[in-house]
Structure formats: structure tokens, C-alpha cells
Amino acid sequence: MSKPISVWALAALAALALAACGSSSNSDSNSTSTPAAAPTTTGASGGGSKGGGSTLQLAADPSALKYDTTSLSAKAGKVTIDFDNPSAIGHDVSIDGPSGDIGKTAVITQSKASLTVDLKPGSYTFYCSVDGHKDAGMQGTLTVK
């Protein structure tokens, strides 16, 4: 009997995660939504190079609409952002590059998610795509060398 309860609990978490998205009409064919408790990995191509790469840590501030940093740097290649949101407010991490959206995590609350993308050297913007969060300052620059 615990299996149906587990399925219902996962469905409830997924519904909460979707509700946290607000009424955003942003869609991204590279996004992957999973229940809020599960990490999300999104692969996307930014036309990166072979080798190199980095794993970066990023967290949402638990009491404000901001990340714990506004500047990240990585080596070209596969770049992973391990995102921690200790807040009860839903947040995600989205990355934009010169040609537009590159990838994003699911919107999560009090959970962790990961985003992995292949990036060429350049400057990228990371931000929270939840309605109004980027405009409130929840964004930063990712420099890839």
C-alpha cells in the first residue's frame, strides 16, 4: 500500500513545483521538470569545446529574491551548476547566451537541482525565470574562459 501513497506524494510535489512557476509563458524545449525533491539535469549545447569544464555551486538566498553570488566563472566545456534553494519560494536557474536560452533547471523549493550545459568561451547570463524574479535582481554573469 505504500506505493500508491508514494505516487500520490510525488504527484503532489510535482503540482506544487508547477504552481510555483506562476503564469510564466516561457517554454524551453531543453527543460526537464521533475518532482521538487529530485535533482534535475538538463543537457543543452552552447557549441562548447571538448575537455575542460567545471562544476559550480549556486544557492538562492533564503530570505530575498537573489542568489548568493552574481558572478560565476568556469572553463569552457561541460559546465554543471549545482543549485540549492533553501527557500520556501520557488526558484530555478536559467542560462542565456548570445543565441538565446541554453538551458534551465526545474523550479524547486527547499531542494537541490543541477544544470549541465556545454559552453564555449564567452559571457552568459544566469537568472531565475520565475515571473518577476530576474527583474528584482535575481541574476548574474557566468564567464566561461
N, C-alpha and C. Protein backbone atom coordinates (compact mmCIF):
# COMPACT_ATOMS: atom_id res chain seq x y z
N MET A 1 0.80 -1.20 0.00
CA MET A 1 0.00 0.00 0.00
C MET A 1 0.84 1.26 0.00
N SER A 2 2.11 1.16 0.35
CA SER A 2 2.93 2.37 0.39
C SER A 2 3.23 2.91 -0.99
N LYS A 3 3.17 2.06 -2.03
CA LYS A 3 3.46 2.54 -3.38
C LYS A 3 2.45 3.59 -3.84
N PRO A 4 1.11 3.37 -3.71
CA PRO A 4 0.18 4.41 -4.14
C PRO A 4 0.37 5.71 -3.36
N ILE A 5 0.70 5.63 -2.09
CA ILE A 5 0.94 6.85 -1.31
C ILE A 5 2.16 7.57 -1.87
N SER A 6 3.19 6.82 -2.20
CA SER A 6 4.41 7.41 -2.76
C SER A 6 4.11 8.09 -4.09
N VAL A 7 3.33 7.46 -4.94
CA VAL A 7 2.97 8.04 -6.23
C VAL A 7 2.17 9.32 -6.02
N TRP A 8 1.22 9.28 -5.09
CA TRP A 8 0.42 10.48 -4.80
C TRP A 8 1.29 11.59 -4.22
N ALA A 9 2.24 11.24 -3.38
CA ALA A 9 3.13 12.25 -2.80
C ALA A 9 3.97 12.90 -3.89
N LEU A 10 4.48 12.08 -4.82
CA LEU A 10 5.26 12.63 -5.93
C LEU A 10 4.40 13.52 -6.81
N ALA A 11 3.16 13.10 -7.06
CA ALA A 11 2.26 13.92 -7.88
C ALA A 11 1.97 15.26 -7.19
N ALA A 12 1.80 15.23 -5.87
CA ALA A 12 1.56 16.46 -5.12
C ALA A 12 2.77 17.38 -5.19
N LEU A 13 3.97 16.81 -5.05
CA LEU A 13 5.19 17.62 -5.15
C LEU A 13 5.32 18.23 -6.54
N ALA A 14 5.01 17.46 -7.57
CA ALA A 14 5.09 17.97 -8.94
C ALA A 14 4.09 19.10 -9.13
N ALA A 15 2.89 18.95 -8.58
CA ALA A 15 1.88 20.01 -8.69
C ALA A 15 2.34 21.28 -7.98
N LEU A 16 2.97 21.12 -6.82
CA LEU A 16 3.49 22.29 -6.10
C LEU A 16 4.59 22.97 -6.90
N ALA A 17 5.46 22.18 -7.51
CA ALA A 17 6.55 22.76 -8.30
C ALA A 17 5.99 23.52 -9.50
N LEU A 18 4.97 22.96 -10.14
CA LEU A 18 4.36 23.65 -11.27
C LEU A 18 3.64 24.91 -10.82
N ALA A 19 2.98 24.86 -9.67
CA ALA A 19 2.28 26.04 -9.15
C ALA A 19 3.27 27.15 -8.83
N ALA A 20 4.46 26.80 -8.39
CA ALA A 20 5.48 27.79 -8.06
C ALA A 20 5.97 28.53 -9.30
N CYS A 21 5.75 27.97 -10.47
CA CYS A 21 6.19 28.61 -11.70
C CYS A 21 5.41 29.87 -12.01
N GLY A 22 4.26 30.05 -11.41
CA GLY A 22 3.45 31.22 -11.71
C GLY A 22 2.81 31.07 -13.06
N SER A 23 2.53 32.17 -13.72
CA SER A 23 1.86 32.13 -15.00
C SER A 23 2.82 32.41 -16.14
N SER A 24 4.07 32.08 -15.94
CA SER A 24 5.09 32.34 -16.96
C SER A 24 4.75 31.60 -18.24
N SER A 25 4.91 32.27 -19.35
CA SER A 25 4.69 31.63 -20.63
C SER A 25 6.00 31.19 -21.26
N ASN A 26 7.10 31.30 -20.50
CA ASN A 26 8.38 30.85 -21.03
C ASN A 26 8.35 29.35 -21.21
N SER A 27 8.78 28.89 -22.36
CA SER A 27 8.90 27.46 -22.56
C SER A 27 10.29 27.19 -23.10
N ASP A 28 10.81 26.06 -22.75
CA ASP A 28 12.16 25.72 -23.15
C ASP A 28 12.18 24.24 -23.47
N SER A 29 12.48 23.91 -24.69
CA SER A 29 12.48 22.52 -25.09
C SER A 29 13.59 21.75 -24.39
N ASN A 30 14.53 22.45 -23.75
CA ASN A 30 15.61 21.78 -23.04
C ASN A 30 15.30 21.58 -21.57
N SER A 31 14.13 22.04 -21.08
CA SER A 31 13.87 21.91 -19.66
C SER A 31 13.32 20.54 -19.34
N THR A 32 13.63 20.14 -18.14
CA THR A 32 13.13 18.89 -17.64
C THR A 32 12.54 19.15 -16.28
N SER A 33 11.25 18.85 -16.11
CA SER A 33 10.62 19.04 -14.82
C SER A 33 10.53 17.70 -14.12
N THR A 34 10.84 17.71 -12.86
CA THR A 34 10.73 16.53 -12.03
C THR A 34 10.13 16.96 -10.72
N PRO A 35 9.67 16.02 -9.90
CA PRO A 35 9.16 16.42 -8.60
C PRO A 35 10.20 17.26 -7.87
N ALA A 36 9.72 18.18 -7.05
CA ALA A 36 10.59 19.15 -6.40
C ALA A 36 11.72 18.52 -5.60
N ALA A 37 11.53 17.33 -5.11
CA ALA A 37 12.55 16.71 -4.26
C ALA A 37 13.69 16.07 -5.08
N ALA A 38 13.49 15.92 -6.38
CA ALA A 38 14.50 15.23 -7.18
C ALA A 38 15.37 16.23 -7.94
N PRO A 39 16.68 15.98 -8.04
CA PRO A 39 17.54 16.86 -8.82
C PRO A 39 17.17 16.79 -10.30
N THR A 40 17.43 17.87 -11.01
CA THR A 40 17.15 17.94 -12.43
C THR A 40 18.44 18.19 -13.18
N THR A 41 18.67 17.42 -14.21
CA THR A 41 19.82 17.66 -15.06
C THR A 41 19.30 17.96 -16.45
N THR A 42 19.72 19.07 -17.00
CA THR A 42 19.31 19.46 -18.34
C THR A 42 20.55 19.56 -19.20
N GLY A 43 20.55 18.88 -20.31
CA GLY A 43 21.67 18.98 -21.22
C GLY A 43 21.29 19.90 -22.37
N ALA A 44 22.19 20.76 -22.76
CA ALA A 44 21.96 21.64 -23.90
C ALA A 44 23.30 21.95 -24.53
N SER A 45 23.27 22.30 -25.78
CA SER A 45 24.52 22.60 -26.45
C SER A 45 24.67 24.08 -26.67
N GLY A 46 25.74 24.63 -26.15
CA GLY A 46 26.09 26.00 -26.44
C GLY A 46 27.23 26.03 -27.43
N GLY A 47 27.48 24.90 -28.08
CA GLY A 47 28.56 24.81 -29.04
C GLY A 47 29.91 24.77 -28.37
N GLY A 48 30.00 24.13 -27.22
CA GLY A 48 31.22 24.15 -26.42
C GLY A 48 32.36 23.36 -27.02
N SER A 49 33.45 23.34 -26.29
CA SER A 49 34.63 22.64 -26.76
C SER A 49 34.81 21.36 -25.97
N LYS A 50 35.68 20.51 -26.44
CA LYS A 50 35.94 19.26 -25.73
C LYS A 50 36.87 19.53 -24.56
N GLY A 51 36.74 18.70 -23.53
CA GLY A 51 37.60 18.84 -22.36
C GLY A 51 37.20 20.01 -21.50
N GLY A 52 38.03 20.35 -20.52
CA GLY A 52 37.76 21.48 -19.64
C GLY A 52 36.51 21.25 -18.83
N GLY A 53 35.82 22.34 -18.55
CA GLY A 53 34.58 22.25 -17.82
C GLY A 53 34.77 22.49 -16.34
N SER A 54 33.66 22.67 -15.68
CA SER A 54 33.67 22.99 -14.26
C SER A 54 32.36 22.58 -13.61
N THR A 55 32.40 22.42 -12.30
CA THR A 55 31.19 22.27 -11.50
C THR A 55 31.14 23.46 -10.56
N LEU A 56 30.05 24.20 -10.65
CA LEU A 56 29.87 25.42 -9.87
C LEU A 56 28.76 25.25 -8.86
N GLN A 57 28.87 25.96 -7.76
CA GLN A 57 27.85 25.93 -6.71
C GLN A 57 27.10 27.27 -6.73
N LEU A 58 25.78 27.21 -6.66
CA LEU A 58 24.95 28.41 -6.63
C LEU A 58 23.78 28.14 -5.70
N ALA A 59 23.43 29.12 -4.88
CA ALA A 59 22.30 28.95 -3.96
C ALA A 59 21.42 30.19 -3.99
N ALA A 60 20.15 29.97 -3.73
CA ALA A 60 19.21 31.09 -3.57
C ALA A 60 19.32 31.58 -2.14
N ASP A 61 19.19 32.88 -1.96
CA ASP A 61 19.15 33.46 -0.62
C ASP A 61 17.81 33.04 0.00
N PRO A 62 17.82 32.50 1.22
CA PRO A 62 16.57 32.03 1.81
C PRO A 62 15.60 33.15 2.21
N SER A 63 16.07 34.40 2.23
CA SER A 63 15.19 35.48 2.70
C SER A 63 15.04 36.62 1.70
N ALA A 64 15.51 36.47 0.47
CA ALA A 64 15.41 37.55 -0.51
C ALA A 64 15.38 36.97 -1.92
N LEU A 65 14.97 37.79 -2.88
CA LEU A 65 14.97 37.37 -4.28
C LEU A 65 16.34 37.63 -4.88
N LYS A 66 17.31 36.78 -4.48
CA LYS A 66 18.65 36.89 -5.02
C LYS A 66 19.39 35.58 -4.83
N TYR A 67 20.45 35.42 -5.62
CA TYR A 67 21.35 34.29 -5.47
C TYR A 67 22.45 34.69 -4.49
N ASP A 68 23.24 33.72 -4.05
CA ASP A 68 24.33 34.01 -3.11
C ASP A 68 25.52 34.67 -3.80
N THR A 69 25.51 34.75 -5.13
CA THR A 69 26.56 35.45 -5.88
C THR A 69 25.96 35.97 -7.18
N THR A 70 26.59 36.98 -7.74
CA THR A 70 26.15 37.49 -9.04
C THR A 70 27.22 37.25 -10.10
N SER A 71 28.27 36.50 -9.74
CA SER A 71 29.36 36.25 -10.67
C SER A 71 29.86 34.82 -10.52
N LEU A 72 29.88 34.10 -11.63
CA LEU A 72 30.43 32.74 -11.67
C LEU A 72 31.42 32.68 -12.82
N SER A 73 32.43 31.80 -12.71
CA SER A 73 33.34 31.59 -13.83
C SER A 73 33.65 30.11 -13.97
N ALA A 74 33.89 29.71 -15.21
CA ALA A 74 34.13 28.30 -15.50
C ALA A 74 35.05 28.17 -16.70
N LYS A 75 35.61 26.98 -16.85
CA LYS A 75 36.39 26.66 -18.04
C LYS A 75 35.42 26.21 -19.13
N ALA A 76 35.79 26.45 -20.37
CA ALA A 76 34.97 26.03 -21.50
C ALA A 76 34.81 24.51 -21.49
N GLY A 77 33.69 24.04 -21.97
CA GLY A 77 33.37 22.63 -22.00
C GLY A 77 32.12 22.36 -21.20
N LYS A 78 32.04 21.18 -20.62
CA LYS A 78 30.87 20.81 -19.84
C LYS A 78 30.88 21.58 -18.53
N VAL A 79 29.83 22.38 -18.30
CA VAL A 79 29.71 23.17 -17.08
C VAL A 79 28.45 22.71 -16.34
N THR A 80 28.62 22.36 -15.09
CA THR A 80 27.50 21.94 -14.25
C THR A 80 27.30 22.99 -13.16
N ILE A 81 26.06 23.41 -12.98
CA ILE A 81 25.71 24.29 -11.87
C ILE A 81 24.86 23.47 -10.91
N ASP A 82 25.39 23.27 -9.70
CA ASP A 82 24.64 22.60 -8.63
C ASP A 82 23.92 23.70 -7.86
N PHE A 83 22.60 23.72 -7.96
CA PHE A 83 21.77 24.78 -7.40
C PHE A 83 21.04 24.30 -6.15
N ASP A 84 21.15 25.08 -5.08
CA ASP A 84 20.49 24.78 -3.81
C ASP A 84 19.50 25.91 -3.52
N ASN A 85 18.23 25.55 -3.34
CA ASN A 85 17.23 26.54 -2.96
C ASN A 85 16.67 26.18 -1.59
N PRO A 86 17.19 26.80 -0.52
CA PRO A 86 16.69 26.53 0.82
C PRO A 86 15.38 27.27 1.12
N SER A 87 14.95 28.14 0.21
CA SER A 87 13.78 28.97 0.40
C SER A 87 12.48 28.22 0.13
N ALA A 88 11.41 28.68 0.77
CA ALA A 88 10.07 28.14 0.50
C ALA A 88 9.49 28.76 -0.76
N ILE A 89 10.17 29.76 -1.32
CA ILE A 89 9.76 30.39 -2.57
C ILE A 89 10.43 29.64 -3.72
N GLY A 90 9.67 29.31 -4.75
CA GLY A 90 10.21 28.57 -5.88
C GLY A 90 11.19 29.39 -6.70
N HIS A 91 12.32 28.78 -7.04
CA HIS A 91 13.34 29.40 -7.89
C HIS A 91 13.90 28.35 -8.84
N ASP A 92 14.56 28.83 -9.90
CA ASP A 92 15.29 27.96 -10.81
C ASP A 92 16.57 28.67 -11.23
N VAL A 93 17.34 28.03 -12.09
CA VAL A 93 18.50 28.65 -12.71
C VAL A 93 18.34 28.46 -14.21
N SER A 94 18.33 29.58 -14.93
CA SER A 94 18.26 29.58 -16.39
C SER A 94 19.54 30.23 -16.91
N ILE A 95 19.99 29.78 -18.07
CA ILE A 95 21.19 30.38 -18.67
C ILE A 95 20.85 30.87 -20.07
N ASP A 96 21.20 32.13 -20.33
CA ASP A 96 21.07 32.73 -21.66
C ASP A 96 22.45 33.01 -22.20
N GLY A 97 22.62 32.80 -23.49
CA GLY A 97 23.87 33.11 -24.15
C GLY A 97 23.61 34.02 -25.33
N PRO A 98 24.61 34.22 -26.16
CA PRO A 98 24.47 35.11 -27.31
C PRO A 98 23.32 34.72 -28.25
N SER A 99 23.01 33.44 -28.32
CA SER A 99 21.94 32.99 -29.22
C SER A 99 20.64 32.66 -28.50
N GLY A 100 20.50 33.05 -27.23
CA GLY A 100 19.24 32.83 -26.51
C GLY A 100 19.37 31.81 -25.39
N ASP A 101 18.22 31.23 -25.02
CA ASP A 101 18.16 30.28 -23.92
C ASP A 101 19.02 29.06 -24.21
N ILE A 102 19.79 28.65 -23.20
CA ILE A 102 20.66 27.49 -23.34
C ILE A 102 20.14 26.32 -22.52
N GLY A 103 19.58 26.59 -21.34
CA GLY A 103 19.04 25.53 -20.51
C GLY A 103 18.59 26.07 -19.18
N LYS A 104 17.84 25.24 -18.43
CA LYS A 104 17.42 25.63 -17.09
C LYS A 104 17.03 24.42 -16.27
N THR A 105 17.02 24.64 -14.96
CA THR A 105 16.56 23.60 -14.04
C THR A 105 15.05 23.72 -13.89
N ALA A 106 14.47 22.77 -13.22
CA ALA A 106 13.07 22.88 -12.81
C ALA A 106 12.99 23.93 -11.71
N VAL A 107 11.82 24.50 -11.52
CA VAL A 107 11.58 25.40 -10.39
C VAL A 107 11.46 24.51 -9.16
N ILE A 108 12.26 24.83 -8.13
CA ILE A 108 12.29 24.00 -6.92
C ILE A 108 12.11 24.85 -5.67
N THR A 109 11.66 24.22 -4.62
CA THR A 109 11.60 24.85 -3.29
C THR A 109 12.24 23.91 -2.29
N GLN A 110 13.03 24.47 -1.40
CA GLN A 110 13.71 23.72 -0.34
C GLN A 110 14.26 22.40 -0.85
N SER A 111 15.03 22.51 -1.94
CA SER A 111 15.56 21.33 -2.60
C SER A 111 16.80 21.71 -3.39
N LYS A 112 17.34 20.75 -4.14
CA LYS A 112 18.52 20.97 -4.97
C LYS A 112 18.24 20.48 -6.39
N ALA A 113 18.91 21.10 -7.35
CA ALA A 113 18.81 20.70 -8.75
C ALA A 113 20.14 20.98 -9.41
N SER A 114 20.38 20.36 -10.55
CA SER A 114 21.61 20.58 -11.30
C SER A 114 21.29 20.87 -12.75
N LEU A 115 22.16 21.65 -13.36
CA LEU A 115 22.05 22.00 -14.76
C LEU A 115 23.42 21.77 -15.38
N THR A 116 23.47 21.01 -16.46
CA THR A 116 24.74 20.76 -17.15
C THR A 116 24.59 21.19 -18.60
N VAL A 117 25.49 22.05 -19.05
CA VAL A 117 25.49 22.55 -20.42
C VAL A 117 26.91 22.55 -20.96
N ASP A 118 27.04 22.52 -22.26
CA ASP A 118 28.35 22.55 -22.93
C ASP A 118 28.53 23.98 -23.45
N LEU A 119 29.52 24.70 -22.92
CA LEU A 119 29.67 26.12 -23.22
C LEU A 119 31.02 26.46 -23.86
N LYS A 120 30.96 27.38 -24.81
CA LYS A 120 32.17 27.94 -25.42
C LYS A 120 32.59 29.14 -24.58
N PRO A 121 33.83 29.61 -24.73
CA PRO A 121 34.25 30.81 -24.02
C PRO A 121 33.31 31.98 -24.36
N GLY A 122 33.02 32.78 -23.36
CA GLY A 122 32.16 33.93 -23.56
C GLY A 122 31.47 34.32 -22.27
N SER A 123 30.54 35.24 -22.39
CA SER A 123 29.79 35.74 -21.25
C SER A 123 28.33 35.30 -21.36
N TYR A 124 27.80 34.75 -20.30
CA TYR A 124 26.44 34.24 -20.25
C TYR A 124 25.72 34.87 -19.06
N THR A 125 24.40 34.93 -19.13
CA THR A 125 23.61 35.42 -18.01
C THR A 125 22.91 34.24 -17.36
N PHE A 126 23.02 34.14 -16.03
CA PHE A 126 22.21 33.16 -15.30
C PHE A 126 21.17 33.94 -14.52
N TYR A 127 19.96 33.40 -14.43
CA TYR A 127 18.87 34.12 -13.78
C TYR A 127 17.76 33.16 -13.35
N CYS A 128 16.87 33.67 -12.50
CA CYS A 128 15.68 32.92 -12.11
C CYS A 128 14.56 33.31 -13.07
N SER A 129 13.95 32.32 -13.73
CA SER A 129 12.92 32.61 -14.73
C SER A 129 11.52 32.72 -14.15
N VAL A 130 11.37 32.56 -12.83
CA VAL A 130 10.05 32.74 -12.21
C VAL A 130 9.65 34.21 -12.40
N ASP A 131 8.40 34.44 -12.77
CA ASP A 131 7.92 35.80 -13.07
C ASP A 131 8.35 36.82 -12.04
N GLY A 132 9.03 37.87 -12.50
CA GLY A 132 9.43 38.99 -11.67
C GLY A 132 10.74 38.83 -10.93
N HIS A 133 11.28 37.62 -10.82
CA HIS A 133 12.49 37.40 -10.03
C HIS A 133 13.73 38.00 -10.70
N LYS A 134 13.87 37.83 -12.02
CA LYS A 134 15.01 38.41 -12.72
C LYS A 134 14.97 39.94 -12.61
N ASP A 135 13.80 40.52 -12.82
CA ASP A 135 13.64 41.97 -12.72
C ASP A 135 13.93 42.48 -11.32
N ALA A 136 13.72 41.64 -10.31
CA ALA A 136 14.01 42.02 -8.92
C ALA A 136 15.50 41.89 -8.60
N GLY A 137 16.28 41.40 -9.57
CA GLY A 137 17.73 41.32 -9.37
C GLY A 137 18.29 39.92 -9.20
N MET A 138 17.46 38.91 -9.39
CA MET A 138 17.92 37.53 -9.23
C MET A 138 18.58 37.07 -10.53
N GLN A 139 19.81 37.56 -10.74
CA GLN A 139 20.56 37.26 -11.93
C GLN A 139 22.04 37.52 -11.72
N GLY A 140 22.85 37.02 -12.63
CA GLY A 140 24.29 37.25 -12.55
C GLY A 140 24.94 36.90 -13.87
N THR A 141 26.27 36.99 -13.89
CA THR A 141 27.06 36.73 -15.09
C THR A 141 27.92 35.49 -14.90
N LEU A 142 27.88 34.61 -15.88
CA LEU A 142 28.74 33.43 -15.92
C LEU A 142 29.78 33.68 -17.01
N THR A 143 31.06 33.77 -16.62
CA THR A 143 32.13 33.98 -17.56
C THR A 143 32.82 32.66 -17.83
N VAL A 144 32.88 32.27 -19.09
CA VAL A 144 33.50 31.00 -19.50
C VAL A 144 34.77 31.34 -20.26
N LYS A 145 35.90 30.75 -19.80
CA LYS A 145 37.21 31.01 -20.42
C LYS A 145 37.74 29.78 -21.11
